[in-house]
Protein backbone atom coordinates (compact mmCIF):
# COMPACT_ATOMS: atom_id res chain seq x y z
CA MET A 1 145.25 42.23 78.81
CA PRO A 2 142.67 41.97 81.67
CA SER A 3 141.22 38.55 82.66
CA ASP A 4 138.77 37.13 84.60
CA PRO A 5 136.36 39.82 83.12
CA TRP A 6 133.02 38.45 84.65
CA ASP A 7 132.46 38.35 88.79
CA TYR A 8 129.59 36.10 90.05
CA GLY A 9 130.83 37.51 93.56
CA GLY A 10 127.63 39.61 94.08
CA SER A 11 127.95 38.35 97.56
CA ARG A 12 130.09 39.50 100.57
CA ARG A 13 132.53 37.34 102.69
CA ARG A 14 133.69 38.73 105.38
CA SER A 15 136.30 37.21 108.40
CA SER A 16 134.86 37.29 112.13
CA GLY A 17 138.42 37.93 113.55
CA ALA A 18 140.04 40.45 110.84
CA GLY A 19 136.84 42.63 110.65
CA LEU A 20 137.83 43.55 106.87
CA VAL A 21 135.45 43.12 103.46
CA VAL A 22 137.13 40.44 100.94
CA VAL A 23 134.87 40.63 98.43
CA ALA A 24 134.43 36.32 97.03
CA VAL A 25 134.38 35.50 93.82
CA VAL A 26 132.09 32.80 94.66
CA LEU A 27 131.82 32.17 90.45
CA ALA A 28 133.00 33.09 87.23
CA ALA A 29 132.78 32.74 83.84
CA LEU A 30 134.97 32.73 80.54
CA VAL A 31 134.28 34.34 77.90
CA VAL A 32 134.73 33.17 74.51
CA GLY A 33 137.33 34.65 72.35
CA GLY A 34 140.45 34.32 73.66
CA LEU A 35 139.84 36.29 77.15
CA ALA A 36 141.69 34.46 80.63
CA GLY A 37 138.68 31.85 81.82
CA GLY A 38 137.56 31.02 85.51
CA VAL A 39 137.15 27.74 87.04
CA ALA A 40 133.49 27.50 86.14
CA GLY A 41 130.62 28.92 83.66
CA ARG A 42 130.44 30.38 80.26
CA MET A 43 129.84 33.76 78.31
CA SER A 44 129.44 34.84 75.16
CA ALA A 45 129.54 37.48 73.53
CA GLY A 46 125.74 36.87 72.19
CA VAL A 47 123.91 39.29 69.73
CA PRO A 48 120.30 40.79 71.38
CA ALA A 49 117.23 39.55 69.61
CA PRO A 50 115.23 42.10 67.41
CA THR A 51 112.71 43.89 69.35
CA ALA A 52 110.51 45.85 69.15
CA PRO A 53 110.38 49.79 70.15
CA GLN A 54 109.84 51.51 73.02
CA ALA A 55 106.48 52.36 73.82
CA ALA A 56 106.38 55.54 74.80
CA ALA A 57 105.56 57.39 78.36
CA GLY A 58 102.11 57.58 79.19
CA THR A 59 100.89 55.01 77.47
CA ALA A 60 99.90 50.66 78.49
CA ASP A 61 103.38 49.49 77.95
CA GLY A 62 105.72 52.44 78.90
CA ALA A 63 106.90 53.91 81.88
CA ALA A 64 104.36 54.62 84.37
CA GLY A 65 105.62 57.35 86.92
CA ASP A 66 108.65 58.54 88.42
CA LEU A 67 110.80 56.10 89.55
CA SER A 68 111.58 57.35 93.11
CA ALA A 69 108.01 56.66 93.40
CA VAL A 70 108.84 52.58 92.25
CA ALA A 71 111.61 52.82 94.42
CA ALA A 72 109.21 53.55 97.18
CA ARG A 73 106.78 50.81 96.56
CA VAL A 74 109.08 48.03 95.82
CA GLN A 75 111.48 48.72 98.80
CA GLY A 76 109.46 47.06 101.43
CA SER A 77 110.10 43.84 99.88
CA VAL A 78 113.43 43.39 99.07
CA THR A 79 115.62 41.85 101.97
CA SER A 80 119.08 40.90 103.43
CA ILE A 81 120.64 38.26 102.81
CA GLU A 82 122.87 37.37 105.93
CA VAL A 83 124.67 33.37 105.72
CA ARG A 84 127.17 32.57 109.00
CA SER A 85 129.18 29.30 108.31
CA GLY A 86 132.35 28.44 111.15
CA GLY A 87 133.62 31.53 111.40
CA ARG A 88 132.13 33.43 108.15
CA LEU A 89 129.45 35.95 107.24
CA GLY A 90 128.21 35.76 103.60
CA ALA A 91 126.26 38.87 101.95
CA GLY A 92 123.50 38.92 99.26
CA SER A 93 119.79 40.40 98.47
CA GLY A 94 116.52 38.48 98.29
CA PHE A 95 113.14 39.57 97.28
CA VAL A 96 109.89 38.04 98.81
CA ILE A 97 107.79 36.62 95.54
CA ASP A 98 104.57 35.49 97.94
CA ARG A 99 102.56 35.91 100.84
CA GLN A 100 103.70 32.10 102.80
CA GLY A 101 107.24 34.41 103.31
CA ARG A 102 109.08 32.66 100.37
CA VAL A 103 111.86 34.81 99.21
CA LEU A 104 114.06 34.61 96.41
CA THR A 105 117.57 35.30 95.94
CA ASN A 106 121.15 33.02 94.23
CA ALA A 107 122.17 29.81 95.11
CA HIS A 108 125.76 31.27 95.41
CA VAL A 109 124.87 33.92 97.99
CA VAL A 110 124.06 30.31 100.33
CA GLY A 111 126.42 28.68 99.63
CA ASP A 112 126.76 25.78 101.22
CA GLY A 113 124.41 26.53 103.94
CA GLY A 114 125.00 28.15 107.35
CA ARG A 115 122.69 29.51 109.75
CA VAL A 116 120.85 31.91 107.33
CA THR A 117 119.22 35.47 108.38
CA VAL A 118 117.10 37.65 106.39
CA VAL A 119 117.22 41.68 107.23
CA LEU A 120 113.71 43.13 106.51
CA ALA A 121 114.17 46.73 104.73
CA ASP A 122 112.65 47.89 108.65
CA ARG A 123 116.24 46.57 110.30
CA ARG A 124 114.23 43.16 111.38
CA ARG A 125 116.41 39.99 111.54
CA VAL A 126 114.19 37.22 110.47
CA PRO A 127 115.61 33.25 111.12
CA ALA A 128 115.29 31.33 107.23
CA ARG A 129 115.59 27.66 106.36
CA VAL A 130 116.38 27.03 102.52
CA VAL A 131 113.53 25.48 100.82
CA GLY A 132 115.51 24.48 97.98
CA SER A 133 118.62 26.21 96.19
CA ASP A 134 119.45 25.27 91.95
CA ARG A 135 123.65 26.05 91.65
CA ALA A 136 123.27 25.36 87.99
CA ARG A 137 120.32 28.09 87.56
CA ASP A 138 122.55 29.71 90.46
CA LEU A 139 118.19 31.13 92.00
CA ALA A 140 117.70 29.16 95.58
CA VAL A 141 114.37 29.67 98.03
CA LEU A 142 113.91 30.81 101.57
CA ALA A 143 112.07 30.83 103.92
CA ILE A 144 110.64 33.36 106.67
CA PRO A 145 107.11 32.98 109.26
CA ALA A 146 104.67 34.27 107.04
CA ASP A 147 103.31 36.48 109.98
CA GLN A 148 106.60 38.33 109.58
CA SER A 149 106.99 38.85 105.59
CA PRO A 150 106.75 41.88 103.76
CA ALA A 151 104.37 41.99 100.49
CA PRO A 152 105.58 39.77 97.81
CA LEU A 153 106.83 41.96 94.97
CA PRO A 154 105.50 41.00 91.53
CA PHE A 155 106.45 39.72 87.89
CA GLY A 156 107.26 41.11 85.60
CA ARG A 157 106.62 39.21 81.96
CA SER A 158 110.41 38.44 80.21
CA SER A 159 108.09 39.02 76.82
CA ARG A 160 107.83 42.64 77.33
CA VAL A 161 111.14 43.67 78.46
CA ARG A 162 112.49 46.47 75.71
CA VAL A 163 116.00 47.44 75.24
CA GLY A 164 116.00 51.19 76.59
CA GLU A 165 113.64 50.48 79.37
CA PRO A 166 114.44 51.99 82.57
CA VAL A 167 115.09 49.46 85.33
CA LEU A 168 115.83 50.12 88.94
CA ALA A 169 118.37 47.39 90.66
CA LEU A 170 117.72 47.39 95.02
CA GLY A 171 120.01 45.27 97.56
CA SER A 172 122.76 45.56 99.63
CA PRO A 173 125.85 45.89 97.57
CA LEU A 174 128.49 46.03 100.38
CA GLY A 175 126.05 45.58 103.39
CA LEU A 176 124.74 48.61 102.51
CA GLN A 177 120.92 47.97 102.66
CA GLY A 178 118.01 49.44 101.03
CA THR A 179 120.52 51.07 98.47
CA VAL A 180 119.08 51.93 94.56
CA THR A 181 120.71 52.34 91.37
CA SER A 182 119.11 53.07 88.03
CA GLY A 183 119.68 52.60 84.44
CA ILE A 184 118.40 50.84 81.20
CA VAL A 185 118.29 47.41 79.93
CA SER A 186 120.88 47.93 77.70
CA ALA A 187 120.43 44.16 75.83
CA LEU A 188 118.57 41.18 75.69
CA ASN A 189 119.04 38.00 74.86
CA ARG A 190 122.62 37.36 76.65
CA GLU A 191 123.85 34.13 76.48
CA VAL A 192 124.84 32.45 79.75
CA ARG A 193 126.02 29.63 81.75
CA MET A 194 124.57 30.35 85.44
CA GLY A 195 125.55 28.51 87.80
CA ASP A 196 128.51 25.75 89.14
CA GLY A 197 128.84 23.19 85.58
CA GLY A 198 125.05 24.96 85.20
CA THR A 199 122.89 24.77 82.07
CA GLY A 200 123.48 27.30 79.70
CA GLY A 201 120.46 30.52 79.15
CA THR A 202 119.34 33.83 78.44
CA ALA A 203 120.54 36.79 80.61
CA LEU A 204 119.32 40.82 80.44
CA GLN A 205 122.65 42.75 80.42
CA THR A 206 121.70 46.59 82.29
CA ASP A 207 124.11 49.50 82.85
CA ALA A 208 122.55 49.60 86.96
CA SER A 209 125.36 49.71 88.69
CA ILE A 210 125.50 46.46 90.97
CA ASN A 211 128.37 45.32 93.12
CA PRO A 212 129.38 42.33 95.75
CA GLY A 213 126.35 42.63 97.41
CA ASN A 214 123.76 43.00 95.27
CA SER A 215 123.28 39.63 93.63
CA GLY A 216 120.14 37.75 94.17
CA GLY A 217 117.84 41.51 94.83
CA PRO A 218 115.19 42.65 92.22
CA LEU A 219 115.99 44.03 88.58
CA VAL A 220 112.70 46.12 88.19
CA ASN A 221 110.43 48.31 85.73
CA ALA A 222 108.82 51.64 86.07
CA ARG A 223 105.31 49.69 87.13
CA GLY A 224 107.57 48.07 89.93
CA GLU A 225 107.79 44.49 88.23
CA VAL A 226 110.52 41.98 88.59
CA ILE A 227 111.88 41.41 85.94
CA GLY A 228 115.52 39.88 86.52
CA VAL A 229 117.30 38.33 89.63
CA ASN A 230 120.47 40.18 89.48
CA THR A 231 123.87 37.53 89.43
CA ALA A 232 126.95 38.85 88.20
CA ILE A 233 129.08 42.08 86.93
CA ALA A 234 131.76 42.37 84.62
CA THR A 235 135.03 43.95 85.96
CA LEU A 236 138.26 44.86 84.26
CA MET A 237 140.41 43.48 87.56
CA ARG A 238 140.72 39.74 88.56
CA GLY A 239 138.23 38.57 90.84
CA GLY A 240 136.31 41.41 90.48
CA GLY A 241 137.83 43.99 92.43
CA GLY A 242 137.26 46.91 90.01
CA GLY A 243 133.86 46.54 91.28
CA SER A 244 130.68 47.68 88.84
CA ILE A 245 132.02 49.05 85.04
CA GLY A 246 127.97 49.21 83.87
CA ILE A 247 127.36 46.02 82.46
CA GLY A 248 125.64 43.55 84.84
CA PHE A 249 123.56 40.93 84.14
CA ALA A 250 120.18 39.09 85.62
CA ILE A 251 118.55 35.87 85.63
CA PRO A 252 115.05 36.82 83.32
CA ALA A 253 111.33 36.80 85.14
CA ASP A 254 110.07 34.33 83.83
CA ARG A 255 112.94 31.41 84.19
CA ALA A 256 113.20 32.82 87.62
CA ARG A 257 109.73 32.42 88.43
CA GLU A 258 109.38 28.76 86.96
CA GLY A 259 113.07 28.16 88.78
CA ALA A 260 111.23 29.29 92.25
CA GLN A 261 108.10 27.20 91.35
CA ARG A 262 110.16 24.22 90.82
CA LEU A 263 112.12 24.52 93.82
CA ILE A 264 108.67 25.56 96.39
CA GLY A 265 107.47 21.75 94.57
């Protein structure tokens, strides 16, 4: 039976000496029901709450435009994040959340700190500082100069998310900046304990492909609104070596927005 199938390894670690890319499991999860456990966190096979039927495309609540147009509209606000500490490089994703140049990502991307660089969609490299990090909720806020910041992405409302609606996951899987994958919302209210000894909460489940390096990037709906922050995947191999199997998880928008506001103060 496979063990350790839940991987919070959305960030990438690379040794400066060997130059080899190695997926690092930053956080793990323990599945309730007999599978072997990881070092921190626990996820149960929670049953999604009943939801209203998805509105038909073209209505006020339905899909708005084709997804290629949505991707083009939001890609400029999505960033890569590099964290250098000692001889190692950690990498993940993030996105701009306000006009003051603040960038939201996962706490496990930032890790224990180091020299942080935000790489913008046009390849500009901008030094960043960590405004705050909450490991329990797996959220961190960075700041870059406002005059160099792209436009912020709008947040959607968690209450409006529907199972089956189309979504895009954006970020830098395996260092491939500007990658966009598509899928649907697979389930709501998956019970998961976020972060290092974190508090319980619920996550969105999606089949949009999420891989190491996607952590901290946005999950957006067909209106270009952020409905989640990509944070974890399920794999069939220890350490997440199997990559995406179409089961990914994102911190819901309402909780992400509230957490960011709390970190900004």
